[in-house]
Amino acid sequence: MLLLSKAQDFEPLSLSHPANLAMLDVNISMIKSLTKALEKVLAAIMELLATDADKVLPVLSMTIALLCSIPGIGLFLNNFFHSYTY
Protein backbone atom coordinates (compact mmCIF):
# COMPACT_ATOMS: atom_id res chain seq x y z
CA MET A 1 0.00 0.00 0.00
CA LEU A 2 2.83 2.41 0.88
CA LEU A 3 4.59 1.68 -2.42
CA LEU A 4 1.43 2.40 -4.41
CA SER A 5 0.92 5.64 -2.48
CA LYS A 6 4.48 6.79 -3.20
CA ALA A 7 4.15 5.89 -6.88
CA GLN A 8 1.02 8.04 -7.11
CA ASP A 9 2.90 10.93 -5.46
CA PHE A 10 5.51 10.83 -8.23
CA GLU A 11 3.06 10.43 -11.12
CA PRO A 12 3.18 14.19 -11.99
CA LEU A 13 6.95 13.83 -12.48
CA SER A 14 6.73 11.01 -15.01
CA LEU A 15 7.33 11.33 -18.75
CA SER A 16 3.74 10.39 -19.41
CA HIS A 17 2.66 13.72 -17.91
CA PRO A 18 1.94 16.17 -20.82
CA ALA A 19 3.58 19.16 -19.11
CA ASN A 20 6.80 17.21 -18.58
CA LEU A 21 6.87 16.16 -22.24
CA ALA A 22 6.37 19.76 -23.31
CA MET A 23 9.22 20.94 -21.07
CA LEU A 24 11.44 18.14 -22.35
CA ASP A 25 10.72 19.22 -25.94
CA VAL A 26 11.55 22.84 -25.09
CA ASN A 27 14.80 21.84 -23.39
CA ILE A 28 15.87 19.62 -26.29
CA SER A 29 15.15 22.43 -28.76
CA MET A 30 17.12 24.87 -26.63
CA ILE A 31 20.10 22.50 -26.48
CA LYS A 32 20.01 22.05 -30.25
CA SER A 33 19.87 25.83 -30.79
CA LEU A 34 22.72 26.47 -28.38
CA THR A 35 24.80 23.73 -30.01
CA LYS A 36 24.32 25.32 -33.44
CA ALA A 37 25.19 28.75 -32.04
CA LEU A 38 28.31 27.34 -30.39
CA GLU A 39 29.38 25.76 -33.68
CA LYS A 40 29.01 29.16 -35.39
CA VAL A 41 31.06 30.87 -32.69
CA LEU A 42 33.79 28.23 -32.92
CA ALA A 43 33.86 28.57 -36.71
CA ALA A 44 34.24 32.34 -36.35
CA ILE A 45 37.07 31.88 -33.84
CA MET A 46 38.87 29.45 -36.16
CA GLU A 47 38.42 31.88 -39.06
CA LEU A 48 39.92 34.70 -36.99
CA LEU A 49 42.84 32.47 -36.03
CA ALA A 50 43.42 31.43 -39.63
CA THR A 51 43.32 35.06 -40.78
CA ASP A 52 45.67 36.05 -37.98
CA ALA A 53 48.12 33.26 -38.84
CA ASP A 54 48.46 34.67 -42.37
CA LYS A 55 49.63 38.07 -41.05
CA VAL A 56 53.28 39.11 -40.79
CA LEU A 57 52.81 39.68 -37.05
CA PRO A 58 50.16 37.19 -35.84
CA VAL A 59 48.93 38.92 -32.66
CA LEU A 60 46.27 36.35 -31.75
CA SER A 61 48.62 33.44 -32.19
CA MET A 62 51.22 35.10 -29.98
CA THR A 63 48.59 35.93 -27.34
CA ILE A 64 47.33 32.35 -27.32
CA ALA A 65 50.88 31.06 -27.02
CA LEU A 66 51.40 33.38 -24.04
CA LEU A 67 48.14 32.24 -22.43
CA CYS A 68 49.07 28.60 -22.99
CA SER A 69 52.23 29.18 -20.97
CA ILE A 70 50.13 29.88 -17.82
CA PRO A 71 49.80 26.75 -15.66
CA GLY A 72 46.22 25.48 -15.62
CA ILE A 73 44.98 27.88 -18.27
CA GLY A 74 47.48 26.67 -20.83
CA LEU A 75 46.35 23.07 -20.55
CA PHE A 76 42.71 24.05 -21.02
CA LEU A 77 43.35 26.36 -23.98
CA ASN A 78 45.76 23.96 -25.61
CA ASN A 79 43.21 21.13 -25.42
CA PHE A 80 40.44 23.45 -26.60
CA PHE A 81 42.25 24.68 -29.70
CA HIS A 82 43.63 21.26 -30.63
CA SER A 83 40.23 19.60 -30.32
CA TYR A 84 38.59 22.13 -32.66
CA THR A 85 41.33 22.49 -35.25
CA TYR A 86 41.49 18.89 -36.35
PDB file of N, CA and C in Angstrom:
ATOM      1  N   MET A   1       0.819  -1.191   0.000  1.00  0.00           N
ATOM      2  CA  MET A   1       0.000   0.000   0.000  1.00  0.00           C
ATOM      3  C   MET A   1       0.870   1.264   0.000  1.00  0.00           C
ATOM      4  N   LEU A   2       1.928   1.265   0.805  1.00  0.00           N
ATOM      5  CA  LEU A   2       2.829   2.407   0.877  1.00  0.00           C
ATOM      6  C   LEU A   2       3.514   2.637  -0.474  1.00  0.00           C
ATOM      7  N   LEU A   3       3.928   1.565  -1.125  1.00  0.00           N
ATOM      8  CA  LEU A   3       4.588   1.676  -2.423  1.00  0.00           C
ATOM      9  C   LEU A   3       3.649   2.286  -3.458  1.00  0.00           C
ATOM     10  N   LEU A   4       2.423   1.864  -3.487  1.00  0.00           N
ATOM     11  CA  LEU A   4       1.428   2.401  -4.413  1.00  0.00           C
ATOM     12  C   LEU A   4       1.194   3.889  -4.134  1.00  0.00           C
ATOM     13  N   SER A   5       1.131   4.244  -2.866  1.00  0.00           N
ATOM     14  CA  SER A   5       0.922   5.637  -2.477  1.00  0.00           C
ATOM     15  C   SER A   5       2.084   6.510  -2.957  1.00  0.00           C
ATOM     16  N   LYS A   6       3.306   6.032  -2.771  1.00  0.00           N
ATOM     17  CA  LYS A   6       4.483   6.791  -3.199  1.00  0.00           C
ATOM     18  C   LYS A   6       4.550   6.900  -4.725  1.00  0.00           C
ATOM     19  N   ALA A   7       4.166   5.863  -5.417  1.00  0.00           N
ATOM     20  CA  ALA A   7       4.148   5.894  -6.884  1.00  0.00           C
ATOM     21  C   ALA A   7       3.146   6.933  -7.372  1.00  0.00           C
ATOM     22  N   GLN A   8       2.023   7.040  -6.730  1.00  0.00           N
ATOM     23  CA  GLN A   8       1.024   8.036  -7.109  1.00  0.00           C
ATOM     24  C   GLN A   8       1.529   9.451  -6.822  1.00  0.00           C
ATOM     25  N   ASP A   9       2.329   9.615  -5.770  1.00  0.00           N
ATOM     26  CA  ASP A   9       2.899  10.926  -5.458  1.00  0.00           C
ATOM     27  C   ASP A   9       3.838  11.400  -6.569  1.00  0.00           C
ATOM     28  N   PHE A  10       4.536  10.476  -7.200  1.00  0.00           N
ATOM     29  CA  PHE A  10       5.509  10.833  -8.230  1.00  0.00           C
ATOM     30  C   PHE A  10       4.932  10.821  -9.643  1.00  0.00           C
ATOM     31  N   GLU A  11       3.682  10.490  -9.793  1.00  0.00           N
ATOM     32  CA  GLU A  11       3.062  10.434 -11.119  1.00  0.00           C
ATOM     33  C   GLU A  11       3.194  11.755 -11.889  1.00  0.00           C
ATOM     34  N   PRO A  12       3.025  12.934 -11.237  1.00  0.00           N
ATOM     35  CA  PRO A  12       3.184  14.188 -11.986  1.00  0.00           C
ATOM     36  C   PRO A  12       4.602  14.408 -12.525  1.00  0.00           C
ATOM     37  N   LEU A  13       5.567  13.678 -12.027  1.00  0.00           N
ATOM     38  CA  LEU A  13       6.950  13.829 -12.479  1.00  0.00           C
ATOM     39  C   LEU A  13       7.309  12.884 -13.626  1.00  0.00           C
ATOM     40  N   SER A  14       6.413  12.010 -13.999  1.00  0.00           N
ATOM     41  CA  SER A  14       6.729  11.006 -15.013  1.00  0.00           C
ATOM     42  C   SER A  14       6.709  11.606 -16.417  1.00  0.00           C
ATOM     43  N   LEU A  15       7.310  10.873 -17.362  1.00  0.00           N
ATOM     44  CA  LEU A  15       7.335  11.328 -18.750  1.00  0.00           C
ATOM     45  C   LEU A  15       5.968  11.224 -19.420  1.00  0.00           C
ATOM     46  N   SER A  16       5.061  10.494 -18.820  1.00  0.00           N
ATOM     47  CA  SER A  16       3.738  10.392 -19.408  1.00  0.00           C
ATOM     48  C   SER A  16       2.900  11.631 -19.113  1.00  0.00           C
ATOM     49  N   HIS A  17       3.367  12.479 -18.238  1.00  0.00           N
ATOM     50  CA  HIS A  17       2.656  13.717 -17.910  1.00  0.00           C
ATOM     51  C   HIS A  17       2.868  14.713 -19.051  1.00  0.00           C
ATOM     52  N   PRO A  18       1.805  15.275 -19.648  1.00  0.00           N
ATOM     53  CA  PRO A  18       1.938  16.165 -20.818  1.00  0.00           C
ATOM     54  C   PRO A  18       2.830  17.394 -20.574  1.00  0.00           C
ATOM     55  N   ALA A  19       2.756  17.978 -19.389  1.00  0.00           N
ATOM     56  CA  ALA A  19       3.580  19.163 -19.114  1.00  0.00           C
ATOM     57  C   ALA A  19       5.060  18.804 -19.118  1.00  0.00           C
ATOM     58  N   ASN A  20       5.391  17.632 -18.596  1.00  0.00           N
ATOM     59  CA  ASN A  20       6.799  17.210 -18.581  1.00  0.00           C
ATOM     60  C   ASN A  20       7.308  16.957 -19.998  1.00  0.00           C
ATOM     61  N   LEU A  21       6.465  16.387 -20.848  1.00  0.00           N
ATOM     62  CA  LEU A  21       6.867  16.156 -22.243  1.00  0.00           C
ATOM     63  C   LEU A  21       7.087  17.477 -22.967  1.00  0.00           C
ATOM     64  N   ALA A  22       6.216  18.453 -22.680  1.00  0.00           N
ATOM     65  CA  ALA A  22       6.367  19.765 -23.312  1.00  0.00           C
ATOM     66  C   ALA A  22       7.677  20.421 -22.869  1.00  0.00           C
ATOM     67  N   MET A  23       7.981  20.359 -21.576  1.00  0.00           N
ATOM     68  CA  MET A  23       9.224  20.941 -21.074  1.00  0.00           C
ATOM     69  C   MET A  23      10.445  20.217 -21.643  1.00  0.00           C
ATOM     70  N   LEU A  24      10.345  18.906 -21.775  1.00  0.00           N
ATOM     71  CA  LEU A  24      11.442  18.140 -22.353  1.00  0.00           C
ATOM     72  C   LEU A  24      11.681  18.561 -23.797  1.00  0.00           C
ATOM     73  N   ASP A  25      10.602  18.748 -24.555  1.00  0.00           N
ATOM     74  CA  ASP A  25      10.716  19.223 -25.943  1.00  0.00           C
ATOM     75  C   ASP A  25      11.381  20.589 -26.007  1.00  0.00           C
ATOM     76  N   VAL A  26      10.968  21.493 -25.122  1.00  0.00           N
ATOM     77  CA  VAL A  26      11.547  22.836 -25.089  1.00  0.00           C
ATOM     78  C   VAL A  26      13.029  22.762 -24.765  1.00  0.00           C
ATOM     79  N   ASN A  27      13.388  21.964 -23.780  1.00  0.00           N
ATOM     80  CA  ASN A  27      14.797  21.844 -23.385  1.00  0.00           C
ATOM     81  C   ASN A  27      15.645  21.236 -24.492  1.00  0.00           C
ATOM     82  N   ILE A  28      15.129  20.237 -25.176  1.00  0.00           N
ATOM     83  CA  ILE A  28      15.870  19.622 -26.289  1.00  0.00           C
ATOM     84  C   ILE A  28      16.064  20.634 -27.413  1.00  0.00           C
ATOM     85  N   SER A  29      15.023  21.403 -27.718  1.00  0.00           N
ATOM     86  CA  SER A  29      15.146  22.434 -28.760  1.00  0.00           C
ATOM     87  C   SER A  29      16.170  23.485 -28.373  1.00  0.00           C
ATOM     88  N   MET A  30      16.175  23.869 -27.099  1.00  0.00           N
ATOM     89  CA  MET A  30      17.124  24.869 -26.628  1.00  0.00           C
ATOM     90  C   MET A  30      18.552  24.339 -26.743  1.00  0.00           C
ATOM     91  N   ILE A  31      18.764  23.095 -26.379  1.00  0.00           N
ATOM     92  CA  ILE A  31      20.101  22.497 -26.478  1.00  0.00           C
ATOM     93  C   ILE A  31      20.558  22.449 -27.929  1.00  0.00           C
ATOM     94  N   LYS A  32      19.654  22.089 -28.832  1.00  0.00           N
ATOM     95  CA  LYS A  32      20.008  22.052 -30.254  1.00  0.00           C
ATOM     96  C   LYS A  32      20.368  23.441 -30.762  1.00  0.00           C
ATOM     97  N   SER A  33      19.590  24.454 -30.361  1.00  0.00           N
ATOM     98  CA  SER A  33      19.867  25.833 -30.791  1.00  0.00           C
ATOM     99  C   SER A  33      21.195  26.324 -30.246  1.00  0.00           C
ATOM    100  N   LEU A  34      21.457  26.050 -28.980  1.00  0.00           N
ATOM    101  CA  LEU A  34      22.718  26.471 -28.376  1.00  0.00           C
ATOM    102  C   LEU A  34      23.907  25.750 -29.005  1.00  0.00           C
ATOM    103  N   THR A  35      23.726  24.484 -29.357  1.00  0.00           N
ATOM    104  CA  THR A  35      24.796  23.726 -30.010  1.00  0.00           C
ATOM    105  C   THR A  35      25.122  24.328 -31.372  1.00  0.00           C
ATOM    106  N   LYS A  36      24.085  24.694 -32.134  1.00  0.00           N
ATOM    107  CA  LYS A  36      24.316  25.324 -33.437  1.00  0.00           C
ATOM    108  C   LYS A  36      24.997  26.680 -33.280  1.00  0.00           C
ATOM    109  N   ALA A  37      24.570  27.439 -32.278  1.00  0.00           N
ATOM    110  CA  ALA A  37      25.188  28.747 -32.035  1.00  0.00           C
ATOM    111  C   ALA A  37      26.654  28.582 -31.640  1.00  0.00           C
ATOM    112  N   LEU A  38      26.935  27.601 -30.799  1.00  0.00           N
ATOM    113  CA  LEU A  38      28.311  27.342 -30.390  1.00  0.00           C
ATOM    114  C   LEU A  38      29.172  26.950 -31.587  1.00  0.00           C
ATOM    115  N   GLU A  39      28.631  26.145 -32.484  1.00  0.00           N
ATOM    116  CA  GLU A  39      29.377  25.760 -33.682  1.00  0.00           C
ATOM    117  C   GLU A  39      29.712  26.984 -34.535  1.00  0.00           C
ATOM    118  N   LYS A  40      28.754  27.934 -34.628  1.00  0.00           N
ATOM    119  CA  LYS A  40      29.010  29.162 -35.394  1.00  0.00           C
ATOM    120  C   LYS A  40      30.092  30.005 -34.724  1.00  0.00           C
ATOM    121  N   VAL A  41      30.048  30.104 -33.415  1.00  0.00           N
ATOM    122  CA  VAL A  41      31.058  30.868 -32.688  1.00  0.00           C
ATOM    123  C   VAL A  41      32.432  30.234 -32.870  1.00  0.00           C
ATOM    124  N   LEU A  42      32.504  28.917 -32.743  1.00  0.00           N
ATOM    125  CA  LEU A  42      33.786  28.232 -32.919  1.00  0.00           C
ATOM    126  C   LEU A  42      34.312  28.399 -34.337  1.00  0.00           C
ATOM    127  N   ALA A  43      33.425  28.361 -35.325  1.00  0.00           N
ATOM    128  CA  ALA A  43      33.855  28.568 -36.711  1.00  0.00           C
ATOM    129  C   ALA A  43      34.405  29.981 -36.891  1.00  0.00           C
ATOM    130  N   ALA A  44      33.756  30.959 -36.262  1.00  0.00           N
ATOM    131  CA  ALA A  44      34.236  32.341 -36.351  1.00  0.00           C
ATOM    132  C   ALA A  44      35.596  32.491 -35.673  1.00  0.00           C
ATOM    133  N   ILE A  45      35.776  31.833 -34.534  1.00  0.00           N
ATOM    134  CA  ILE A  45      37.074  31.879 -33.841  1.00  0.00           C
ATOM    135  C   ILE A  45      38.161  31.264 -34.714  1.00  0.00           C
ATOM    136  N   MET A  46      37.874  30.120 -35.311  1.00  0.00           N
ATOM    137  CA  MET A  46      38.868  29.454 -36.159  1.00  0.00           C
ATOM    138  C   MET A  46      39.191  30.301 -37.390  1.00  0.00           C
ATOM    139  N   GLU A  47      38.176  30.998 -37.914  1.00  0.00           N
ATOM    140  CA  GLU A  47      38.417  31.879 -39.062  1.00  0.00           C
ATOM    141  C   GLU A  47      39.322  33.049 -38.661  1.00  0.00           C
ATOM    142  N   LEU A  48      39.063  33.615 -37.482  1.00  0.00           N
ATOM    143  CA  LEU A  48      39.922  34.697 -36.987  1.00  0.00           C
ATOM    144  C   LEU A  48      41.353  34.210 -36.791  1.00  0.00           C
ATOM    145  N   LEU A  49      41.503  33.023 -36.235  1.00  0.00           N
ATOM    146  CA  LEU A  49      42.842  32.470 -36.027  1.00  0.00           C
ATOM    147  C   LEU A  49      43.551  32.211 -37.344  1.00  0.00           C
ATOM    148  N   ALA A  50      42.811  31.698 -38.319  1.00  0.00           N
ATOM    149  CA  ALA A  50      43.423  31.428 -39.626  1.00  0.00           C
ATOM    150  C   ALA A  50      43.836  32.730 -40.301  1.00  0.00           C
ATOM    151  N   THR A  51      42.992  33.752 -40.208  1.00  0.00           N
ATOM    152  CA  THR A  51      43.321  35.058 -40.784  1.00  0.00           C
ATOM    153  C   THR A  51      44.527  35.659 -40.082  1.00  0.00           C
ATOM    154  N   ASP A  52      44.558  35.512 -38.758  1.00  0.00           N
ATOM    155  CA  ASP A  52      45.673  36.049 -37.979  1.00  0.00           C
ATOM    156  C   ASP A  52      46.980  35.340 -38.320  1.00  0.00           C
ATOM    157  N   ALA A  53      46.901  34.038 -38.539  1.00  0.00           N
ATOM    158  CA  ALA A  53      48.116  33.261 -38.838  1.00  0.00           C
ATOM    159  C   ALA A  53      48.747  33.687 -40.157  1.00  0.00           C
ATOM    160  N   ASP A  54      47.946  34.236 -41.070  1.00  0.00           N
ATOM    161  CA  ASP A  54      48.464  34.671 -42.368  1.00  0.00           C
ATOM    162  C   ASP A  54      49.163  36.025 -42.306  1.00  0.00           C
ATOM    163  N   LYS A  55      49.029  36.738 -41.184  1.00  0.00           N
ATOM    164  CA  LYS A  55      49.630  38.066 -41.053  1.00  0.00           C
ATOM    165  C   LYS A  55      51.136  37.957 -40.791  1.00  0.00           C
ATOM    166  N   VAL A  56      51.839  39.052 -41.061  1.00  0.00           N
ATOM    167  CA  VAL A  56      53.277  39.111 -40.795  1.00  0.00           C
ATOM    168  C   VAL A  56      53.526  39.027 -39.294  1.00  0.00           C
ATOM    169  N   LEU A  57      52.688  39.713 -38.499  1.00  0.00           N
ATOM    170  CA  LEU A  57      52.807  39.684 -37.046  1.00  0.00           C
ATOM    171  C   LEU A  57      51.497  39.131 -36.468  1.00  0.00           C
ATOM    172  N   PRO A  58      51.400  37.820 -36.302  1.00  0.00           N
ATOM    173  CA  PRO A  58      50.158  37.192 -35.838  1.00  0.00           C
ATOM    174  C   PRO A  58      49.898  37.436 -34.347  1.00  0.00           C
ATOM    175  N   VAL A  59      49.167  38.502 -34.041  1.00  0.00           N
ATOM    176  CA  VAL A  59      48.931  38.916 -32.662  1.00  0.00           C
ATOM    177  C   VAL A  59      48.140  37.870 -31.881  1.00  0.00           C
ATOM    178  N   LEU A  60      47.084  37.350 -32.468  1.00  0.00           N
ATOM    179  CA  LEU A  60      46.273  36.352 -31.749  1.00  0.00           C
ATOM    180  C   LEU A  60      47.069  35.097 -31.437  1.00  0.00           C
ATOM    181  N   SER A  61      47.826  34.645 -32.401  1.00  0.00           N
ATOM    182  CA  SER A  61      48.622  33.435 -32.186  1.00  0.00           C
ATOM    183  C   SER A  61      49.635  33.639 -31.069  1.00  0.00           C
ATOM    184  N   MET A  62      50.251  34.814 -31.035  1.00  0.00           N
ATOM    185  CA  MET A  62      51.218  35.101 -29.982  1.00  0.00           C
ATOM    186  C   MET A  62      50.524  35.213 -28.621  1.00  0.00           C
ATOM    187  N   THR A  63      49.335  35.804 -28.597  1.00  0.00           N
ATOM    188  CA  THR A  63      48.586  35.930 -27.344  1.00  0.00           C
ATOM    189  C   THR A  63      48.173  34.561 -26.829  1.00  0.00           C
ATOM    190  N   ILE A  64      47.721  33.704 -27.724  1.00  0.00           N
ATOM    191  CA  ILE A  64      47.326  32.348 -27.322  1.00  0.00           C
ATOM    192  C   ILE A  64      48.534  31.574 -26.815  1.00  0.00           C
ATOM    193  N   ALA A  65      49.658  31.731 -27.478  1.00  0.00           N
ATOM    194  CA  ALA A  65      50.881  31.057 -27.016  1.00  0.00           C
ATOM    195  C   ALA A  65      51.258  31.533 -25.618  1.00  0.00           C
ATOM    196  N   LEU A  66      51.116  32.842 -25.361  1.00  0.00           N
ATOM    197  CA  LEU A  66      51.404  33.379 -24.038  1.00  0.00           C
ATOM    198  C   LEU A  66      50.430  32.823 -23.003  1.00  0.00           C
ATOM    199  N   LEU A  67      49.138  32.798 -23.346  1.00  0.00           N
ATOM    200  CA  LEU A  67      48.139  32.242 -22.432  1.00  0.00           C
ATOM    201  C   LEU A  67      48.390  30.762 -22.151  1.00  0.00           C
ATOM    202  N   CYS A  68      48.807  30.035 -23.165  1.00  0.00           N
ATOM    203  CA  CYS A  68      49.067  28.604 -22.995  1.00  0.00           C
ATOM    204  C   CYS A  68      50.262  28.346 -22.077  1.00  0.00           C
ATOM    205  N   SER A  69      51.083  29.363 -21.853  1.00  0.00           N
ATOM    206  CA  SER A  69      52.229  29.178 -20.965  1.00  0.00           C
ATOM    207  C   SER A  69      51.836  29.301 -19.489  1.00  0.00           C
ATOM    208  N   ILE A  70      50.603  29.740 -19.205  1.00  0.00           N
ATOM    209  CA  ILE A  70      50.133  29.884 -17.821  1.00  0.00           C
ATOM    210  C   ILE A  70      49.662  28.525 -17.319  1.00  0.00           C
ATOM    211  N   PRO A  71      50.218  28.056 -16.197  1.00  0.00           N
ATOM    212  CA  PRO A  71      49.801  26.751 -15.661  1.00  0.00           C
ATOM    213  C   PRO A  71      48.288  26.707 -15.401  1.00  0.00           C
ATOM    214  N   GLY A  72      47.662  25.637 -15.815  1.00  0.00           N
ATOM    215  CA  GLY A  72      46.218  25.481 -15.619  1.00  0.00           C
ATOM    216  C   GLY A  72      45.437  26.021 -16.799  1.00  0.00           C
ATOM    217  N   ILE A  73      45.669  27.273 -17.140  1.00  0.00           N
ATOM    218  CA  ILE A  73      44.976  27.884 -18.275  1.00  0.00           C
ATOM    219  C   ILE A  73      45.533  27.320 -19.573  1.00  0.00           C
ATOM    220  N   GLY A  74      46.838  27.174 -19.617  1.00  0.00           N
ATOM    221  CA  GLY A  74      47.481  26.672 -20.829  1.00  0.00           C
ATOM    222  C   GLY A  74      46.983  25.303 -21.227  1.00  0.00           C
ATOM    223  N   LEU A  75      46.830  24.422 -20.250  1.00  0.00           N
ATOM    224  CA  LEU A  75      46.353  23.071 -20.553  1.00  0.00           C
ATOM    225  C   LEU A  75      44.948  23.108 -21.129  1.00  0.00           C
ATOM    226  N   PHE A  76      44.086  23.930 -20.533  1.00  0.00           N
ATOM    227  CA  PHE A  76      42.706  24.050 -21.025  1.00  0.00           C
ATOM    228  C   PHE A  76      42.674  24.617 -22.440  1.00  0.00           C
ATOM    229  N   LEU A  77      43.358  25.740 -22.658  1.00  0.00           N
ATOM    230  CA  LEU A  77      43.350  26.365 -23.984  1.00  0.00           C
ATOM    231  C   LEU A  77      43.991  25.475 -25.035  1.00  0.00           C
ATOM    232  N   ASN A  78      45.081  24.833 -24.670  1.00  0.00           N
ATOM    233  CA  ASN A  78      45.762  23.955 -25.607  1.00  0.00           C
ATOM    234  C   ASN A  78      44.840  22.823 -26.048  1.00  0.00           C
ATOM    235  N   ASN A  79      44.156  22.198 -25.088  1.00  0.00           N
ATOM    236  CA  ASN A  79      43.210  21.127 -25.420  1.00  0.00           C
ATOM    237  C   ASN A  79      42.050  21.658 -26.238  1.00  0.00           C
ATOM    238  N   PHE A  80      41.563  22.857 -25.887  1.00  0.00           N
ATOM    239  CA  PHE A  80      40.441  23.454 -26.599  1.00  0.00           C
ATOM    240  C   PHE A  80      40.786  23.682 -28.067  1.00  0.00           C
ATOM    241  N   PHE A  81      41.909  24.351 -28.318  1.00  0.00           N
ATOM    242  CA  PHE A  81      42.254  24.677 -29.697  1.00  0.00           C
ATOM    243  C   PHE A  81      42.638  23.447 -30.511  1.00  0.00           C
ATOM    244  N   HIS A  82      43.282  22.471 -29.885  1.00  0.00           N
ATOM    245  CA  HIS A  82      43.631  21.265 -30.630  1.00  0.00           C
ATOM    246  C   HIS A  82      42.391  20.430 -30.945  1.00  0.00           C
ATOM    247  N   SER A  83      41.414  20.423 -30.064  1.00  0.00           N
ATOM    248  CA  SER A  83      40.226  19.598 -30.317  1.00  0.00           C
ATOM    249  C   SER A  83      39.357  20.203 -31.417  1.00  0.00           C
ATOM    250  N   TYR A  84      39.434  21.519 -31.651  1.00  0.00           N
ATOM    251  CA  TYR A  84      38.592  22.128 -32.660  1.00  0.00           C
ATOM    252  C   TYR A  84      39.326  22.465 -33.955  1.00  0.00           C
ATOM    253  N   THR A  85      40.619  22.192 -34.021  1.00  0.00           N
ATOM    254  CA  THR A  85      41.331  22.495 -35.250  1.00  0.00           C
ATOM    255  C   THR A  85      41.572  21.270 -36.104  1.00  0.00           C
ATOM    256  N   TYR A  86      41.262  20.118 -35.577  1.00  0.00           N
ATOM    257  CA  TYR A  86      41.490  18.887 -36.347  1.00  0.00           C
ATOM    258  C   TYR A  86      40.199  18.269 -36.761  1.00  0.00           C
TER     259      TYR A  86
END
